[in-house]
Amino acid sequence: MLDEISRLAKDGKYDYLVIESTGISEPLPVAETFTFADEDGVSLSNVAALDTMVTVVDALNFLKDCDEAKQLQDVLKGKEMWAKLPDPFPSWEH
């Protein structure tokens, strides 16, 4: 990606570039790409600036999905709690 964006920036034909990540991608790794330096010490921020990040959500299902995520989080927190308790059935050694 660095090489291609560098080439486009040097051409000078474009004022802005839109980078669309995958549908399930987290935005932070995309932003971090601008600070990552390659083996030559060159980073995307040397040739382009991150101006705006836009996140699109499914408005129809957003609240339902958030509720399901909250329920999953509660279940996982419960499992963490149980994992911290002593084993009620320790293995018997003979």
C-alpha atoms as a PDB file:
ATOM      1  CA  MET A   1       0.000   0.000   0.000  1.00  0.00           C
ATOM      2  CA  LEU A   2       2.865   2.377   0.803  1.00  0.00           C
ATOM      3  CA  ASP A   3       4.368   2.045  -2.674  1.00  0.00           C
ATOM      4  CA  GLU A   4       1.058   2.594  -4.444  1.00  0.00           C
ATOM      5  CA  ILE A   5       0.052   5.603  -2.356  1.00  0.00           C
ATOM      6  CA  SER A   6       3.552   7.058  -2.782  1.00  0.00           C
ATOM      7  CA  ARG A   7       3.211   6.708  -6.537  1.00  0.00           C
ATOM      8  CA  LEU A   8      -0.211   8.366  -6.549  1.00  0.00           C
ATOM      9  CA  ALA A   9       1.049  11.203  -4.338  1.00  0.00           C
ATOM     10  CA  LYS A  10       4.046  11.855  -6.588  1.00  0.00           C
ATOM     11  CA  ASP A  11       1.809  11.956  -9.678  1.00  0.00           C
ATOM     12  CA  GLY A  12       0.065  14.968  -8.139  1.00  0.00           C
ATOM     13  CA  LYS A  13      -3.199  14.198  -9.946  1.00  0.00           C
ATOM     14  CA  TYR A  14      -5.254  13.701  -6.801  1.00  0.00           C
ATOM     15  CA  ASP A  15      -6.040  15.912  -3.837  1.00  0.00           C
ATOM     16  CA  TYR A  16      -7.561  13.111  -1.753  1.00  0.00           C
ATOM     17  CA  LEU A  17      -7.515   9.333  -1.658  1.00  0.00           C
ATOM     18  CA  VAL A  18     -10.236   7.194  -0.126  1.00  0.00           C
ATOM     19  CA  ILE A  19      -9.073   3.944   1.452  1.00  0.00           C
ATOM     20  CA  GLU A  20     -11.853   1.466   2.110  1.00  0.00           C
ATOM     21  CA  SER A  21     -10.991  -1.388   4.429  1.00  0.00           C
ATOM     22  CA  THR A  22     -12.849  -4.672   4.760  1.00  0.00           C
ATOM     23  CA  GLY A  23     -16.379  -4.709   6.108  1.00  0.00           C
ATOM     24  CA  ILE A  24     -15.341  -6.035   9.512  1.00  0.00           C
ATOM     25  CA  SER A  25     -12.111  -4.089   9.841  1.00  0.00           C
ATOM     26  CA  GLU A  26     -11.319  -2.089  12.928  1.00  0.00           C
ATOM     27  CA  PRO A  27     -10.404   1.536  12.137  1.00  0.00           C
ATOM     28  CA  LEU A  28      -7.394   1.741  14.467  1.00  0.00           C
ATOM     29  CA  PRO A  29      -5.095  -0.581  12.448  1.00  0.00           C
ATOM     30  CA  VAL A  30      -5.884   1.427   9.318  1.00  0.00           C
ATOM     31  CA  ALA A  31      -4.851   4.623  11.117  1.00  0.00           C
ATOM     32  CA  GLU A  32      -1.743   2.944  12.532  1.00  0.00           C
ATOM     33  CA  THR A  33      -0.676   2.138   8.973  1.00  0.00           C
ATOM     34  CA  PHE A  34       0.176   5.826   8.614  1.00  0.00           C
ATOM     35  CA  THR A  35       2.722   5.630  11.453  1.00  0.00           C
ATOM     36  CA  PHE A  36       4.295   2.256  10.590  1.00  0.00           C
ATOM     37  CA  ALA A  37       7.760   2.595   9.059  1.00  0.00           C
ATOM     38  CA  ASP A  38       9.047   0.033   6.563  1.00  0.00           C
ATOM     39  CA  GLU A  39      12.555  -1.450   6.609  1.00  0.00           C
ATOM     40  CA  ASP A  40      13.883   1.759   5.015  1.00  0.00           C
ATOM     41  CA  GLY A  41      12.295   3.926   7.716  1.00  0.00           C
ATOM     42  CA  VAL A  42       9.662   5.304   5.326  1.00  0.00           C
ATOM     43  CA  SER A  43       6.092   5.579   6.543  1.00  0.00           C
ATOM     44  CA  LEU A  44       2.847   6.458   4.845  1.00  0.00           C
ATOM     45  CA  SER A  45       2.825   9.728   6.783  1.00  0.00           C
ATOM     46  CA  ASN A  46       5.883  10.803   4.746  1.00  0.00           C
ATOM     47  CA  VAL A  47       3.783  10.931   1.569  1.00  0.00           C
ATOM     48  CA  ALA A  48       0.186  11.370   2.772  1.00  0.00           C
ATOM     49  CA  ALA A  49      -1.761  12.722   5.725  1.00  0.00           C
ATOM     50  CA  LEU A  50      -4.658  10.986   7.400  1.00  0.00           C
ATOM     51  CA  ASP A  51      -7.412  13.588   7.223  1.00  0.00           C
ATOM     52  CA  THR A  52     -10.665  11.883   8.164  1.00  0.00           C
ATOM     53  CA  MET A  53     -11.877   8.460   9.236  1.00  0.00           C
ATOM     54  CA  VAL A  54     -15.472   7.470   8.603  1.00  0.00           C
ATOM     55  CA  THR A  55     -17.193   4.468  10.141  1.00  0.00           C
ATOM     56  CA  VAL A  56     -20.419   3.190   8.629  1.00  0.00           C
ATOM     57  CA  VAL A  57     -22.805   1.069  10.673  1.00  0.00           C
ATOM     58  CA  ASP A  58     -25.921  -0.893   9.849  1.00  0.00           C
ATOM     59  CA  ALA A  59     -28.478   1.507  11.350  1.00  0.00           C
ATOM     60  CA  LEU A  60     -31.301  -1.017  11.142  1.00  0.00           C
ATOM     61  CA  ASN A  61     -29.489  -3.585  13.314  1.00  0.00           C
ATOM     62  CA  PHE A  62     -27.074  -1.403  15.289  1.00  0.00           C
ATOM     63  CA  LEU A  63     -28.915  -1.407  18.631  1.00  0.00           C
ATOM     64  CA  LYS A  64     -29.666  -5.126  18.411  1.00  0.00           C
ATOM     65  CA  ASP A  65     -26.022  -5.888  17.611  1.00  0.00           C
ATOM     66  CA  CYS A  66     -24.846  -3.720  20.516  1.00  0.00           C
ATOM     67  CA  ASP A  67     -27.198  -5.536  22.863  1.00  0.00           C
ATOM     68  CA  GLU A  68     -25.912  -8.924  21.656  1.00  0.00           C
ATOM     69  CA  ALA A  69     -22.326  -7.749  22.123  1.00  0.00           C
ATOM     70  CA  LYS A  70     -23.163  -6.579  25.659  1.00  0.00           C
ATOM     71  CA  GLN A  71     -24.708  -9.966  26.454  1.00  0.00           C
ATOM     72  CA  LEU A  72     -21.611 -11.742  25.130  1.00  0.00           C
ATOM     73  CA  GLN A  73     -19.401  -9.431  27.172  1.00  0.00           C
ATOM     74  CA  ASP A  74     -21.420 -10.262  30.295  1.00  0.00           C
ATOM     75  CA  VAL A  75     -21.041 -13.994  29.613  1.00  0.00           C
ATOM     76  CA  LEU A  76     -17.302 -13.659  29.088  1.00  0.00           C
ATOM     77  CA  LYS A  77     -16.932 -11.615  32.270  1.00  0.00           C
ATOM     78  CA  GLY A  78     -18.823 -14.362  34.097  1.00  0.00           C
ATOM     79  CA  LYS A  79     -16.416 -16.973  32.734  1.00  0.00           C
ATOM     80  CA  GLU A  80     -13.479 -14.850  33.882  1.00  0.00           C
ATOM     81  CA  MET A  81     -15.014 -14.683  37.342  1.00  0.00           C
ATOM     82  CA  TRP A  82     -15.436 -18.455  37.476  1.00  0.00           C
ATOM     83  CA  ALA A  83     -11.887 -18.988  36.217  1.00  0.00           C
ATOM     84  CA  LYS A  84     -10.548 -17.053  39.222  1.00  0.00           C
ATOM     85  CA  LEU A  85     -12.335 -19.276  41.754  1.00  0.00           C
ATOM     86  CA  PRO A  86     -10.565 -22.337  43.166  1.00  0.00           C
ATOM     87  CA  ASP A  87     -11.347 -25.582  41.372  1.00  0.00           C
ATOM     88  CA  PRO A  88     -14.297 -27.170  43.224  1.00  0.00           C
ATOM     89  CA  PHE A  89     -13.286 -30.595  41.884  1.00  0.00           C
ATOM     90  CA  PRO A  90      -9.521 -30.877  42.221  1.00  0.00           C
ATOM     91  CA  SER A  91      -7.997 -33.926  40.629  1.00  0.00           C
ATOM     92  CA  TRP A  92      -7.348 -36.740  43.042  1.00  0.00           C
ATOM     93  CA  GLU A  93      -3.805 -37.966  43.214  1.00  0.00           C
ATOM     94  CA  HIS A  94      -3.160 -41.534  44.280  1.00  0.00           C
END
